[in-house]
Amino acid sequence: MRDFQTVQQQLQLVLMQKQQTDLQLAELKKAEEEVSKGEGSFYRFVGAVIVPKKKEDLKKELAEEKESLELRQGIFEKQEKVLRERFDALRKKLESSEDAS
C-alpha cells in the first residue's frame, strides 16, 4: 500500500512539472512569434532588471530556452510513462489482493 501511495505522489508531481513546462513552452512560443514580427526595441527581464536586447540575440536566447524546455518535457513524458505503468501494476495487485480477501 505504501508503494502505491509513493508512486501516486511521484506521478502527481511529474504531471504538475510537465504542466508547468507546457505552460512555459506556450509562453515562449508566443514570445518568439512576437519577436519575429516585431520591430524596434526589445527588452528582457534579467532577474529584477529589464535590459535592452538585440532582436537576433533575443531570438537566439528564446530558441535555446525552448530547446531546453522541450528536453525537460521529454524527460517528464518518459517519467510519466514509467510511473503510470508502475501505478497500474500496483493498482491491479491491490485490487486482486482485495478480491482475494
N, C-alpha and C. Protein backbone atom coordinates (compact mmCIF):
# COMPACT_ATOMS: atom_id res chain seq x y z
N MET A 1 0.82 -1.20 0.00
CA MET A 1 0.00 0.00 0.00
C MET A 1 0.87 1.26 0.00
N ARG A 2 1.96 1.22 0.76
CA ARG A 2 2.85 2.37 0.84
C ARG A 2 3.49 2.65 -0.52
N ASP A 3 3.90 1.58 -1.23
CA ASP A 3 4.48 1.75 -2.57
C ASP A 3 3.48 2.41 -3.51
N PHE A 4 2.23 2.00 -3.41
CA PHE A 4 1.18 2.56 -4.27
C PHE A 4 1.05 4.06 -4.03
N GLN A 5 1.02 4.46 -2.76
CA GLN A 5 0.88 5.88 -2.43
C GLN A 5 2.11 6.68 -2.88
N THR A 6 3.29 6.09 -2.72
CA THR A 6 4.52 6.76 -3.15
C THR A 6 4.51 6.98 -4.65
N VAL A 7 4.17 5.95 -5.40
CA VAL A 7 4.13 6.07 -6.86
C VAL A 7 3.06 7.08 -7.28
N GLN A 8 1.93 7.06 -6.59
CA GLN A 8 0.86 8.01 -6.89
C GLN A 8 1.34 9.45 -6.68
N GLN A 9 2.05 9.70 -5.59
CA GLN A 9 2.57 11.04 -5.31
C GLN A 9 3.62 11.44 -6.34
N GLN A 10 4.49 10.51 -6.70
CA GLN A 10 5.52 10.80 -7.71
C GLN A 10 4.87 11.13 -9.05
N LEU A 11 3.84 10.39 -9.40
CA LEU A 11 3.14 10.63 -10.66
C LEU A 11 2.48 12.01 -10.65
N GLN A 12 1.85 12.37 -9.55
CA GLN A 12 1.23 13.69 -9.44
C GLN A 12 2.27 14.80 -9.58
N LEU A 13 3.42 14.62 -8.96
CA LEU A 13 4.49 15.61 -9.04
C LEU A 13 4.99 15.76 -10.47
N VAL A 14 5.22 14.65 -11.14
CA VAL A 14 5.70 14.69 -12.53
C VAL A 14 4.65 15.36 -13.43
N LEU A 15 3.38 15.06 -13.21
CA LEU A 15 2.32 15.68 -14.01
C LEU A 15 2.27 17.19 -13.79
N MET A 16 2.47 17.63 -12.55
CA MET A 16 2.49 19.07 -12.28
C MET A 16 3.68 19.74 -12.96
N GLN A 17 4.85 19.10 -12.88
CA GLN A 17 6.04 19.66 -13.51
C GLN A 17 5.89 19.70 -15.02
N LYS A 18 5.29 18.67 -15.57
CA LYS A 18 5.05 18.62 -17.01
C LYS A 18 4.09 19.73 -17.43
N GLN A 19 3.06 19.94 -16.63
CA GLN A 19 2.09 21.00 -16.94
C GLN A 19 2.76 22.38 -16.88
N GLN A 20 3.62 22.60 -15.89
CA GLN A 20 4.35 23.87 -15.80
C GLN A 20 5.23 24.07 -17.04
N THR A 21 5.89 23.01 -17.46
CA THR A 21 6.75 23.08 -18.64
C THR A 21 5.92 23.37 -19.88
N ASP A 22 4.75 22.76 -19.99
CA ASP A 22 3.86 23.03 -21.12
C ASP A 22 3.47 24.51 -21.17
N LEU A 23 3.15 25.08 -20.01
CA LEU A 23 2.79 26.49 -19.94
C LEU A 23 3.97 27.39 -20.32
N GLN A 24 5.15 27.04 -19.83
CA GLN A 24 6.34 27.82 -20.16
C GLN A 24 6.63 27.76 -21.65
N LEU A 25 6.46 26.58 -22.24
CA LEU A 25 6.67 26.44 -23.68
C LEU A 25 5.68 27.28 -24.48
N ALA A 26 4.43 27.29 -24.05
CA ALA A 26 3.42 28.09 -24.74
C ALA A 26 3.77 29.57 -24.67
N GLU A 27 4.20 30.04 -23.50
CA GLU A 27 4.61 31.44 -23.35
C GLU A 27 5.81 31.75 -24.22
N LEU A 28 6.75 30.83 -24.25
CA LEU A 28 7.97 31.03 -25.04
C LEU A 28 7.66 31.09 -26.53
N LYS A 29 6.78 30.22 -26.99
CA LYS A 29 6.40 30.23 -28.41
C LYS A 29 5.72 31.54 -28.78
N LYS A 30 4.88 32.04 -27.87
CA LYS A 30 4.21 33.33 -28.10
C LYS A 30 5.25 34.45 -28.16
N ALA A 31 6.22 34.42 -27.26
CA ALA A 31 7.29 35.42 -27.26
C ALA A 31 8.08 35.37 -28.56
N GLU A 32 8.38 34.15 -29.03
CA GLU A 32 9.11 34.00 -30.30
C GLU A 32 8.33 34.63 -31.46
N GLU A 33 7.03 34.39 -31.49
CA GLU A 33 6.18 34.96 -32.54
C GLU A 33 6.22 36.48 -32.50
N GLU A 34 6.09 37.04 -31.31
CA GLU A 34 6.08 38.49 -31.16
C GLU A 34 7.42 39.10 -31.56
N VAL A 35 8.51 38.46 -31.18
CA VAL A 35 9.83 38.97 -31.54
C VAL A 35 10.04 38.88 -33.04
N SER A 36 9.60 37.79 -33.65
CA SER A 36 9.79 37.61 -35.09
C SER A 36 9.07 38.67 -35.91
N LYS A 37 7.88 39.04 -35.48
CA LYS A 37 7.12 40.03 -36.26
C LYS A 37 7.33 41.46 -35.76
N GLY A 38 8.02 41.60 -34.63
CA GLY A 38 8.20 42.91 -34.02
C GLY A 38 9.30 43.73 -34.67
N GLU A 39 9.19 45.02 -34.49
CA GLU A 39 10.18 45.99 -34.95
C GLU A 39 10.56 46.87 -33.77
N GLY A 40 11.69 47.51 -33.86
CA GLY A 40 12.07 48.48 -32.83
C GLY A 40 12.89 47.86 -31.72
N SER A 41 12.70 48.36 -30.51
CA SER A 41 13.50 47.95 -29.36
C SER A 41 12.90 46.73 -28.67
N PHE A 42 13.80 45.90 -28.14
CA PHE A 42 13.39 44.72 -27.39
C PHE A 42 14.06 44.75 -26.03
N TYR A 43 13.34 44.26 -25.04
CA TYR A 43 13.85 44.23 -23.67
C TYR A 43 13.55 42.87 -23.06
N ARG A 44 14.37 42.53 -22.05
CA ARG A 44 14.19 41.24 -21.40
C ARG A 44 14.47 41.38 -19.91
N PHE A 45 13.68 40.68 -19.11
CA PHE A 45 13.94 40.65 -17.67
C PHE A 45 15.16 39.79 -17.41
N VAL A 46 16.09 40.32 -16.62
CA VAL A 46 17.22 39.55 -16.11
C VAL A 46 17.17 39.74 -14.60
N GLY A 47 16.60 38.76 -13.94
CA GLY A 47 16.32 38.91 -12.51
C GLY A 47 15.22 39.94 -12.35
N ALA A 48 15.51 40.98 -11.58
CA ALA A 48 14.52 42.04 -11.35
C ALA A 48 14.77 43.26 -12.23
N VAL A 49 15.69 43.14 -13.19
CA VAL A 49 16.08 44.26 -14.03
C VAL A 49 15.67 44.00 -15.47
N ILE A 50 15.24 45.05 -16.16
CA ILE A 50 14.92 44.95 -17.58
C ILE A 50 16.12 45.49 -18.37
N VAL A 51 16.63 44.67 -19.29
CA VAL A 51 17.79 45.09 -20.09
C VAL A 51 17.43 45.08 -21.57
N PRO A 52 18.02 46.01 -22.33
CA PRO A 52 17.77 46.02 -23.78
C PRO A 52 18.46 44.84 -24.45
N LYS A 53 17.84 44.32 -25.50
CA LYS A 53 18.40 43.18 -26.24
C LYS A 53 18.27 43.43 -27.73
N LYS A 54 19.25 42.97 -28.48
CA LYS A 54 19.15 42.99 -29.94
C LYS A 54 18.18 41.88 -30.35
N LYS A 55 17.46 42.12 -31.41
CA LYS A 55 16.45 41.17 -31.86
C LYS A 55 17.05 39.79 -32.10
N GLU A 56 18.17 39.72 -32.79
CA GLU A 56 18.79 38.42 -33.10
C GLU A 56 19.27 37.71 -31.84
N ASP A 57 19.83 38.48 -30.90
CA ASP A 57 20.27 37.87 -29.63
C ASP A 57 19.08 37.31 -28.85
N LEU A 58 18.00 38.07 -28.84
CA LEU A 58 16.81 37.63 -28.13
C LEU A 58 16.21 36.38 -28.78
N LYS A 59 16.17 36.35 -30.10
CA LYS A 59 15.66 35.17 -30.81
C LYS A 59 16.51 33.95 -30.48
N LYS A 60 17.83 34.14 -30.43
CA LYS A 60 18.73 33.03 -30.11
C LYS A 60 18.49 32.53 -28.68
N GLU A 61 18.36 33.45 -27.73
CA GLU A 61 18.11 33.07 -26.33
C GLU A 61 16.79 32.31 -26.20
N LEU A 62 15.76 32.80 -26.87
CA LEU A 62 14.45 32.15 -26.81
C LEU A 62 14.51 30.74 -27.41
N ALA A 63 15.25 30.59 -28.51
CA ALA A 63 15.39 29.28 -29.15
C ALA A 63 16.11 28.30 -28.22
N GLU A 64 17.15 28.79 -27.53
CA GLU A 64 17.89 27.94 -26.59
C GLU A 64 17.00 27.52 -25.41
N GLU A 65 16.23 28.47 -24.89
CA GLU A 65 15.31 28.15 -23.79
C GLU A 65 14.26 27.14 -24.24
N LYS A 66 13.76 27.33 -25.44
CA LYS A 66 12.75 26.41 -25.98
C LYS A 66 13.32 25.00 -26.09
N GLU A 67 14.54 24.90 -26.59
CA GLU A 67 15.18 23.59 -26.72
C GLU A 67 15.34 22.93 -25.35
N SER A 68 15.76 23.71 -24.37
CA SER A 68 15.92 23.19 -23.01
C SER A 68 14.59 22.72 -22.43
N LEU A 69 13.54 23.51 -22.62
CA LEU A 69 12.22 23.12 -22.12
C LEU A 69 11.68 21.88 -22.83
N GLU A 70 11.94 21.77 -24.11
CA GLU A 70 11.48 20.59 -24.85
C GLU A 70 12.19 19.34 -24.36
N LEU A 71 13.47 19.47 -24.00
CA LEU A 71 14.20 18.33 -23.43
C LEU A 71 13.60 17.94 -22.08
N ARG A 72 13.32 18.94 -21.23
CA ARG A 72 12.69 18.66 -19.94
C ARG A 72 11.34 18.00 -20.13
N GLN A 73 10.58 18.50 -21.09
CA GLN A 73 9.26 17.94 -21.37
C GLN A 73 9.38 16.47 -21.76
N GLY A 74 10.37 16.14 -22.57
CA GLY A 74 10.60 14.75 -22.96
C GLY A 74 10.93 13.87 -21.77
N ILE A 75 11.74 14.40 -20.86
CA ILE A 75 12.09 13.65 -19.65
C ILE A 75 10.85 13.40 -18.81
N PHE A 76 10.02 14.44 -18.64
CA PHE A 76 8.79 14.27 -17.85
C PHE A 76 7.85 13.26 -18.50
N GLU A 77 7.78 13.25 -19.82
CA GLU A 77 6.91 12.29 -20.51
C GLU A 77 7.39 10.86 -20.28
N LYS A 78 8.71 10.65 -20.31
CA LYS A 78 9.26 9.32 -20.04
C LYS A 78 8.99 8.90 -18.59
N GLN A 79 9.20 9.84 -17.66
CA GLN A 79 8.93 9.54 -16.25
C GLN A 79 7.46 9.22 -16.04
N GLU A 80 6.60 9.99 -16.70
CA GLU A 80 5.16 9.75 -16.57
C GLU A 80 4.81 8.35 -17.05
N LYS A 81 5.36 7.95 -18.18
CA LYS A 81 5.06 6.63 -18.73
C LYS A 81 5.47 5.52 -17.75
N VAL A 82 6.69 5.63 -17.24
CA VAL A 82 7.20 4.62 -16.30
C VAL A 82 6.34 4.59 -15.03
N LEU A 83 6.03 5.76 -14.50
CA LEU A 83 5.24 5.82 -13.26
C LEU A 83 3.81 5.33 -13.48
N ARG A 84 3.22 5.64 -14.62
CA ARG A 84 1.86 5.14 -14.91
C ARG A 84 1.85 3.62 -14.98
N GLU A 85 2.88 3.04 -15.60
CA GLU A 85 2.96 1.58 -15.68
C GLU A 85 3.08 0.98 -14.29
N ARG A 86 3.94 1.56 -13.45
CA ARG A 86 4.09 1.06 -12.07
C ARG A 86 2.80 1.26 -11.28
N PHE A 87 2.17 2.42 -11.47
CA PHE A 87 0.92 2.72 -10.78
C PHE A 87 -0.15 1.70 -11.15
N ASP A 88 -0.30 1.44 -12.45
CA ASP A 88 -1.31 0.48 -12.91
C ASP A 88 -1.03 -0.92 -12.38
N ALA A 89 0.25 -1.32 -12.39
CA ALA A 89 0.61 -2.65 -11.90
C ALA A 89 0.30 -2.77 -10.40
N LEU A 90 0.65 -1.75 -9.64
CA LEU A 90 0.38 -1.79 -8.19
C LEU A 90 -1.12 -1.74 -7.91
N ARG A 91 -1.86 -0.97 -8.69
CA ARG A 91 -3.31 -0.89 -8.51
C ARG A 91 -3.95 -2.25 -8.76
N LYS A 92 -3.53 -2.92 -9.83
CA LYS A 92 -4.06 -4.25 -10.14
C LYS A 92 -3.72 -5.24 -9.03
N LYS A 93 -2.50 -5.14 -8.52
CA LYS A 93 -2.07 -6.02 -7.44
C LYS A 93 -2.93 -5.78 -6.19
N LEU A 94 -3.18 -4.51 -5.88
CA LEU A 94 -4.02 -4.18 -4.72
C LEU A 94 -5.45 -4.68 -4.92
N GLU A 95 -5.99 -4.48 -6.11
CA GLU A 95 -7.36 -4.92 -6.40
C GLU A 95 -7.48 -6.43 -6.30
N SER A 96 -6.48 -7.15 -6.80
CA SER A 96 -6.55 -8.61 -6.74
C SER A 96 -6.40 -9.11 -5.31
N SER A 97 -5.59 -8.43 -4.50
CA SER A 97 -5.46 -8.84 -3.10
C SER A 97 -6.72 -8.52 -2.30
N GLU A 98 -7.43 -7.44 -2.68
CA GLU A 98 -8.70 -7.12 -2.02
C GLU A 98 -9.78 -8.13 -2.42
N ASP A 99 -9.76 -8.55 -3.68
CA ASP A 99 -10.73 -9.54 -4.14
C ASP A 99 -10.51 -10.89 -3.45
N ALA A 100 -9.25 -11.20 -3.15
CA ALA A 100 -8.93 -12.46 -2.51
C ALA A 100 -9.33 -12.47 -1.03
N SER A 101 -9.48 -11.29 -0.44
CA SER A 101 -9.82 -11.22 0.99
C SER A 101 -11.24 -11.54 1.28
